[in-house]
Amino acid sequence: MSNLAYQVQKQQIQTQTNPRTIEAPARKLFTKGEVMIWGVMGVVLIAGLVWLISLYASVYQATAKIETMRNDITAESKIVEDYHLQVTELSNPERIMKLAKKQGFVLDSKNVKVVEN
């Protein structure tokens, strides 16, 4: 009998629960919060990339400016060296004596003073 009571009870449970299909509400692929988070992350990523590219461009410009300044300094130092060479050539005592004799100066050894550098 107990087995019969169990079968009757099982039949009553099956008849009470109506086996109709319950449709679950369709779940969206992403929630609004997820979309906002991804959007903010995208904006931050794009802003970071723009900042990185601008930083790279400014470093490139600074490097180019330094290189042009180095080239200018090299050219100017070459000009200065040429001027020093000219000064050395023009201050040669033999040349000065030759020019002085051309203009009529006479060397008086009594009035000569030796100056050392």
N, C-alpha and C. Protein backbone atom coordinates (compact mmCIF):
# COMPACT_ATOMS: atom_id res chain seq x y z
N MET A 1 0.80 -1.19 0.00
CA MET A 1 0.00 0.00 0.00
C MET A 1 0.84 1.25 0.00
N SER A 2 1.88 1.14 0.69
CA SER A 2 2.69 2.34 0.73
C SER A 2 3.22 2.66 -0.67
N ASN A 3 3.46 1.65 -1.44
CA ASN A 3 3.92 1.88 -2.79
C ASN A 3 2.80 2.49 -3.62
N LEU A 4 1.60 2.04 -3.39
CA LEU A 4 0.44 2.60 -4.11
C LEU A 4 0.22 4.05 -3.71
N ALA A 5 0.39 4.38 -2.45
CA ALA A 5 0.23 5.76 -1.99
C ALA A 5 1.29 6.64 -2.63
N TYR A 6 2.46 6.08 -2.80
CA TYR A 6 3.53 6.87 -3.40
C TYR A 6 3.21 7.17 -4.86
N GLN A 7 2.66 6.18 -5.57
CA GLN A 7 2.32 6.39 -6.97
C GLN A 7 1.19 7.40 -7.11
N VAL A 8 0.21 7.36 -6.21
CA VAL A 8 -0.90 8.31 -6.26
C VAL A 8 -0.36 9.71 -5.98
N GLN A 9 0.49 9.81 -5.03
CA GLN A 9 1.05 11.12 -4.68
C GLN A 9 1.88 11.66 -5.86
N LYS A 10 2.61 10.80 -6.54
CA LYS A 10 3.42 11.21 -7.68
C LYS A 10 2.53 11.70 -8.81
N GLN A 11 1.40 11.03 -9.01
CA GLN A 11 0.47 11.45 -10.06
C GLN A 11 -0.16 12.79 -9.71
N GLN A 12 -0.46 13.01 -8.46
CA GLN A 12 -1.04 14.28 -8.04
C GLN A 12 -0.04 15.43 -8.25
N ILE A 13 1.23 15.19 -7.98
CA ILE A 13 2.26 16.23 -8.16
C ILE A 13 2.40 16.55 -9.64
N GLN A 14 2.34 15.52 -10.47
CA GLN A 14 2.49 15.75 -11.90
C GLN A 14 1.28 16.50 -12.44
N THR A 15 0.12 16.24 -11.94
CA THR A 15 -1.06 16.94 -12.44
C THR A 15 -1.11 18.36 -11.89
N GLN A 16 -0.60 18.57 -10.72
CA GLN A 16 -0.61 19.92 -10.16
C GLN A 16 0.38 20.83 -10.89
N THR A 17 1.55 20.32 -11.21
CA THR A 17 2.51 21.16 -11.92
C THR A 17 2.18 21.09 -13.40
N ASN A 18 1.84 22.19 -13.91
CA ASN A 18 1.49 22.26 -15.31
C ASN A 18 2.79 22.38 -16.11
N PRO A 19 3.10 21.46 -16.92
CA PRO A 19 4.38 21.46 -17.61
C PRO A 19 4.42 22.43 -18.80
N ARG A 20 3.94 23.59 -18.61
CA ARG A 20 4.05 24.56 -19.71
C ARG A 20 5.43 25.20 -19.64
N THR A 21 5.91 25.59 -20.76
CA THR A 21 7.26 26.14 -20.82
C THR A 21 7.24 27.59 -20.37
N ILE A 22 8.16 27.89 -19.48
CA ILE A 22 8.29 29.25 -19.01
C ILE A 22 9.45 29.87 -19.78
N GLU A 23 9.14 30.91 -20.47
CA GLU A 23 10.17 31.56 -21.27
C GLU A 23 10.93 32.56 -20.39
N ALA A 24 12.21 32.37 -20.35
CA ALA A 24 13.05 33.28 -19.59
C ALA A 24 13.22 34.56 -20.42
N PRO A 25 13.27 35.70 -19.76
CA PRO A 25 13.44 36.93 -20.54
C PRO A 25 14.77 36.89 -21.28
N ALA A 26 14.76 37.39 -22.48
CA ALA A 26 15.96 37.36 -23.31
C ALA A 26 17.04 38.23 -22.66
N ARG A 27 18.18 37.62 -22.49
CA ARG A 27 19.29 38.34 -21.85
C ARG A 27 20.07 39.07 -22.93
N LYS A 28 20.35 40.33 -22.67
CA LYS A 28 21.15 41.10 -23.61
C LYS A 28 22.59 40.60 -23.55
N LEU A 29 23.32 40.87 -24.61
CA LEU A 29 24.70 40.42 -24.67
C LEU A 29 25.56 41.16 -23.63
N PHE A 30 25.38 42.48 -23.53
CA PHE A 30 26.11 43.28 -22.54
C PHE A 30 25.10 44.16 -21.80
N THR A 31 25.34 44.35 -20.51
CA THR A 31 24.47 45.24 -19.74
C THR A 31 24.91 46.68 -19.96
N LYS A 32 24.08 47.60 -19.51
CA LYS A 32 24.41 49.02 -19.67
C LYS A 32 25.69 49.38 -18.93
N GLY A 33 25.87 48.82 -17.77
CA GLY A 33 27.07 49.08 -16.98
C GLY A 33 28.33 48.59 -17.69
N GLU A 34 28.24 47.39 -18.28
CA GLU A 34 29.39 46.87 -19.01
C GLU A 34 29.71 47.74 -20.21
N VAL A 35 28.69 48.19 -20.91
CA VAL A 35 28.90 49.05 -22.07
C VAL A 35 29.56 50.35 -21.64
N MET A 36 29.11 50.92 -20.52
CA MET A 36 29.72 52.16 -20.03
C MET A 36 31.18 51.94 -19.64
N ILE A 37 31.45 50.85 -18.96
CA ILE A 37 32.82 50.55 -18.54
C ILE A 37 33.72 50.39 -19.77
N TRP A 38 33.27 49.63 -20.76
CA TRP A 38 34.06 49.44 -21.98
C TRP A 38 34.23 50.76 -22.72
N GLY A 39 33.21 51.59 -22.72
CA GLY A 39 33.31 52.89 -23.38
C GLY A 39 34.34 53.78 -22.71
N VAL A 40 34.29 53.82 -21.38
CA VAL A 40 35.27 54.64 -20.64
C VAL A 40 36.67 54.09 -20.85
N MET A 41 36.83 52.79 -20.83
CA MET A 41 38.14 52.20 -21.07
C MET A 41 38.64 52.52 -22.48
N GLY A 42 37.75 52.51 -23.45
CA GLY A 42 38.13 52.86 -24.82
C GLY A 42 38.58 54.30 -24.92
N VAL A 43 37.84 55.20 -24.28
CA VAL A 43 38.21 56.62 -24.31
C VAL A 43 39.56 56.83 -23.63
N VAL A 44 39.77 56.18 -22.49
CA VAL A 44 41.05 56.30 -21.78
C VAL A 44 42.18 55.74 -22.65
N LEU A 45 41.94 54.62 -23.31
CA LEU A 45 42.96 54.02 -24.17
C LEU A 45 43.30 54.94 -25.33
N ILE A 46 42.30 55.51 -25.97
CA ILE A 46 42.55 56.42 -27.10
C ILE A 46 43.28 57.67 -26.61
N ALA A 47 42.87 58.22 -25.47
CA ALA A 47 43.54 59.40 -24.93
C ALA A 47 45.00 59.08 -24.60
N GLY A 48 45.24 57.92 -24.04
CA GLY A 48 46.62 57.52 -23.73
C GLY A 48 47.46 57.37 -24.98
N LEU A 49 46.89 56.79 -26.03
CA LEU A 49 47.62 56.64 -27.28
C LEU A 49 47.93 58.00 -27.90
N VAL A 50 46.96 58.91 -27.87
CA VAL A 50 47.20 60.26 -28.41
C VAL A 50 48.30 60.95 -27.61
N TRP A 51 48.26 60.83 -26.29
CA TRP A 51 49.29 61.43 -25.44
C TRP A 51 50.65 60.83 -25.75
N LEU A 52 50.71 59.51 -25.93
CA LEU A 52 51.97 58.84 -26.21
C LEU A 52 52.54 59.29 -27.56
N ILE A 53 51.68 59.42 -28.56
CA ILE A 53 52.13 59.86 -29.88
C ILE A 53 52.61 61.30 -29.82
N SER A 54 51.90 62.16 -29.09
CA SER A 54 52.35 63.55 -28.99
C SER A 54 53.66 63.64 -28.23
N LEU A 55 53.84 62.82 -27.22
CA LEU A 55 55.10 62.79 -26.48
C LEU A 55 56.24 62.34 -27.38
N TYR A 56 56.00 61.33 -28.18
CA TYR A 56 57.01 60.84 -29.11
C TYR A 56 57.36 61.93 -30.13
N ALA A 57 56.35 62.65 -30.62
CA ALA A 57 56.60 63.71 -31.59
C ALA A 57 57.42 64.83 -30.97
N SER A 58 57.12 65.20 -29.73
CA SER A 58 57.88 66.27 -29.09
C SER A 58 59.33 65.84 -28.83
N VAL A 59 59.54 64.59 -28.46
CA VAL A 59 60.91 64.08 -28.28
C VAL A 59 61.66 64.10 -29.61
N TYR A 60 60.98 63.73 -30.68
CA TYR A 60 61.59 63.73 -32.01
C TYR A 60 61.98 65.15 -32.42
N GLN A 61 61.09 66.11 -32.16
CA GLN A 61 61.39 67.50 -32.49
C GLN A 61 62.57 68.02 -31.66
N ALA A 62 62.60 67.68 -30.39
CA ALA A 62 63.71 68.12 -29.54
C ALA A 62 65.03 67.51 -30.02
N THR A 63 65.00 66.26 -30.41
CA THR A 63 66.20 65.60 -30.91
C THR A 63 66.67 66.26 -32.20
N ALA A 64 65.74 66.58 -33.08
CA ALA A 64 66.10 67.24 -34.33
C ALA A 64 66.69 68.63 -34.06
N LYS A 65 66.11 69.34 -33.10
CA LYS A 65 66.62 70.67 -32.75
C LYS A 65 68.03 70.57 -32.17
N ILE A 66 68.27 69.59 -31.31
CA ILE A 66 69.60 69.38 -30.73
C ILE A 66 70.61 69.08 -31.83
N GLU A 67 70.20 68.26 -32.79
CA GLU A 67 71.11 67.91 -33.88
C GLU A 67 71.47 69.12 -34.73
N THR A 68 70.49 69.98 -35.02
CA THR A 68 70.80 71.19 -35.80
C THR A 68 71.70 72.12 -34.99
N MET A 69 71.48 72.21 -33.69
CA MET A 69 72.35 73.04 -32.86
C MET A 69 73.77 72.50 -32.83
N ARG A 70 73.92 71.20 -32.77
CA ARG A 70 75.26 70.60 -32.81
C ARG A 70 75.95 70.91 -34.13
N ASN A 71 75.21 70.82 -35.21
CA ASN A 71 75.79 71.15 -36.51
C ASN A 71 76.21 72.61 -36.57
N ASP A 72 75.38 73.50 -36.03
CA ASP A 72 75.72 74.93 -36.00
C ASP A 72 76.96 75.18 -35.15
N ILE A 73 77.04 74.52 -34.00
CA ILE A 73 78.19 74.68 -33.12
C ILE A 73 79.46 74.18 -33.81
N THR A 74 79.36 73.06 -34.51
CA THR A 74 80.51 72.53 -35.22
C THR A 74 80.99 73.52 -36.29
N ALA A 75 80.04 74.09 -37.03
CA ALA A 75 80.40 75.05 -38.07
C ALA A 75 81.04 76.30 -37.46
N GLU A 76 80.47 76.80 -36.38
CA GLU A 76 81.02 77.99 -35.72
C GLU A 76 82.40 77.73 -35.13
N SER A 77 82.60 76.55 -34.54
CA SER A 77 83.91 76.24 -33.97
C SER A 77 84.96 76.10 -35.08
N LYS A 78 84.56 75.63 -36.25
CA LYS A 78 85.48 75.56 -37.37
C LYS A 78 85.87 76.97 -37.82
N ILE A 79 84.90 77.88 -37.85
CA ILE A 79 85.18 79.28 -38.21
C ILE A 79 86.13 79.90 -37.19
N VAL A 80 85.91 79.64 -35.91
CA VAL A 80 86.77 80.18 -34.85
C VAL A 80 88.19 79.65 -34.99
N GLU A 81 88.32 78.36 -35.29
CA GLU A 81 89.65 77.79 -35.50
C GLU A 81 90.35 78.46 -36.68
N ASP A 82 89.61 78.71 -37.75
CA ASP A 82 90.20 79.41 -38.90
C ASP A 82 90.67 80.81 -38.51
N TYR A 83 89.89 81.50 -37.69
CA TYR A 83 90.29 82.84 -37.24
C TYR A 83 91.55 82.77 -36.37
N HIS A 84 91.64 81.79 -35.50
CA HIS A 84 92.84 81.64 -34.68
C HIS A 84 94.07 81.37 -35.56
N LEU A 85 93.88 80.55 -36.58
CA LEU A 85 94.97 80.28 -37.50
C LEU A 85 95.40 81.55 -38.24
N GLN A 86 94.41 82.36 -38.65
CA GLN A 86 94.73 83.63 -39.31
C GLN A 86 95.48 84.56 -38.37
N VAL A 87 95.04 84.63 -37.12
CA VAL A 87 95.71 85.49 -36.14
C VAL A 87 97.15 85.04 -35.95
N THR A 88 97.36 83.73 -35.88
CA THR A 88 98.72 83.21 -35.72
C THR A 88 99.59 83.57 -36.92
N GLU A 89 99.02 83.44 -38.12
CA GLU A 89 99.78 83.77 -39.32
C GLU A 89 100.07 85.26 -39.40
N LEU A 90 99.09 86.08 -39.07
CA LEU A 90 99.26 87.53 -39.20
C LEU A 90 100.14 88.11 -38.10
N SER A 91 100.25 87.43 -36.96
CA SER A 91 101.08 87.96 -35.88
C SER A 91 102.50 87.41 -35.91
N ASN A 92 102.90 86.83 -37.02
CA ASN A 92 104.26 86.33 -37.19
C ASN A 92 105.22 87.53 -37.17
N PRO A 93 106.25 87.51 -36.31
CA PRO A 93 107.16 88.66 -36.20
C PRO A 93 107.89 88.99 -37.49
N GLU A 94 108.24 88.01 -38.27
CA GLU A 94 108.93 88.26 -39.53
C GLU A 94 108.04 89.04 -40.49
N ARG A 95 106.76 88.68 -40.53
CA ARG A 95 105.80 89.40 -41.39
C ARG A 95 105.66 90.85 -40.92
N ILE A 96 105.58 91.04 -39.62
CA ILE A 96 105.43 92.40 -39.07
C ILE A 96 106.66 93.24 -39.41
N MET A 97 107.85 92.64 -39.28
CA MET A 97 109.09 93.37 -39.62
C MET A 97 109.12 93.76 -41.09
N LYS A 98 108.71 92.86 -41.96
CA LYS A 98 108.70 93.13 -43.38
C LYS A 98 107.77 94.30 -43.70
N LEU A 99 106.56 94.29 -43.10
CA LEU A 99 105.60 95.38 -43.32
C LEU A 99 106.12 96.70 -42.75
N ALA A 100 106.79 96.62 -41.62
CA ALA A 100 107.33 97.84 -41.00
C ALA A 100 108.43 98.44 -41.88
N LYS A 101 109.30 97.63 -42.44
CA LYS A 101 110.37 98.13 -43.30
C LYS A 101 109.80 98.73 -44.57
N LYS A 102 108.68 98.14 -45.09
CA LYS A 102 108.04 98.69 -46.29
C LYS A 102 107.53 100.10 -46.01
N GLN A 103 107.02 100.30 -44.81
CA GLN A 103 106.45 101.62 -44.47
C GLN A 103 107.52 102.59 -43.97
N GLY A 104 108.75 102.16 -43.88
CA GLY A 104 109.83 103.06 -43.53
C GLY A 104 110.23 103.07 -42.07
N PHE A 105 109.80 102.15 -41.32
CA PHE A 105 110.22 102.08 -39.91
C PHE A 105 111.61 101.48 -39.82
N VAL A 106 112.34 101.90 -38.80
CA VAL A 106 113.69 101.41 -38.59
C VAL A 106 113.73 100.70 -37.23
N LEU A 107 114.42 99.56 -37.19
CA LEU A 107 114.52 98.79 -35.95
C LEU A 107 115.66 99.35 -35.12
N ASP A 108 115.34 99.87 -33.93
CA ASP A 108 116.35 100.37 -33.00
C ASP A 108 116.40 99.38 -31.84
N SER A 109 117.44 98.61 -31.72
CA SER A 109 117.52 97.54 -30.73
C SER A 109 117.53 98.08 -29.30
N LYS A 110 117.83 99.38 -29.12
CA LYS A 110 117.83 99.95 -27.77
C LYS A 110 116.40 100.14 -27.25
N ASN A 111 115.46 100.38 -28.14
CA ASN A 111 114.08 100.64 -27.72
C ASN A 111 113.19 99.37 -27.75
N VAL A 112 113.74 98.24 -28.03
CA VAL A 112 112.96 97.00 -28.15
C VAL A 112 112.83 96.39 -26.76
N LYS A 113 111.61 96.04 -26.40
CA LYS A 113 111.34 95.35 -25.15
C LYS A 113 110.78 93.97 -25.48
N VAL A 114 111.26 92.95 -24.82
CA VAL A 114 110.80 91.58 -25.08
C VAL A 114 109.62 91.30 -24.16
N VAL A 115 108.54 90.89 -24.78
CA VAL A 115 107.33 90.54 -24.03
C VAL A 115 107.05 89.07 -24.28
N GLU A 116 106.85 88.32 -23.23
CA GLU A 116 106.56 86.90 -23.39
C GLU A 116 105.10 86.64 -23.02
N ASN A 117 104.55 85.64 -23.64
CA ASN A 117 103.13 85.32 -23.42
C ASN A 117 102.92 84.64 -22.10
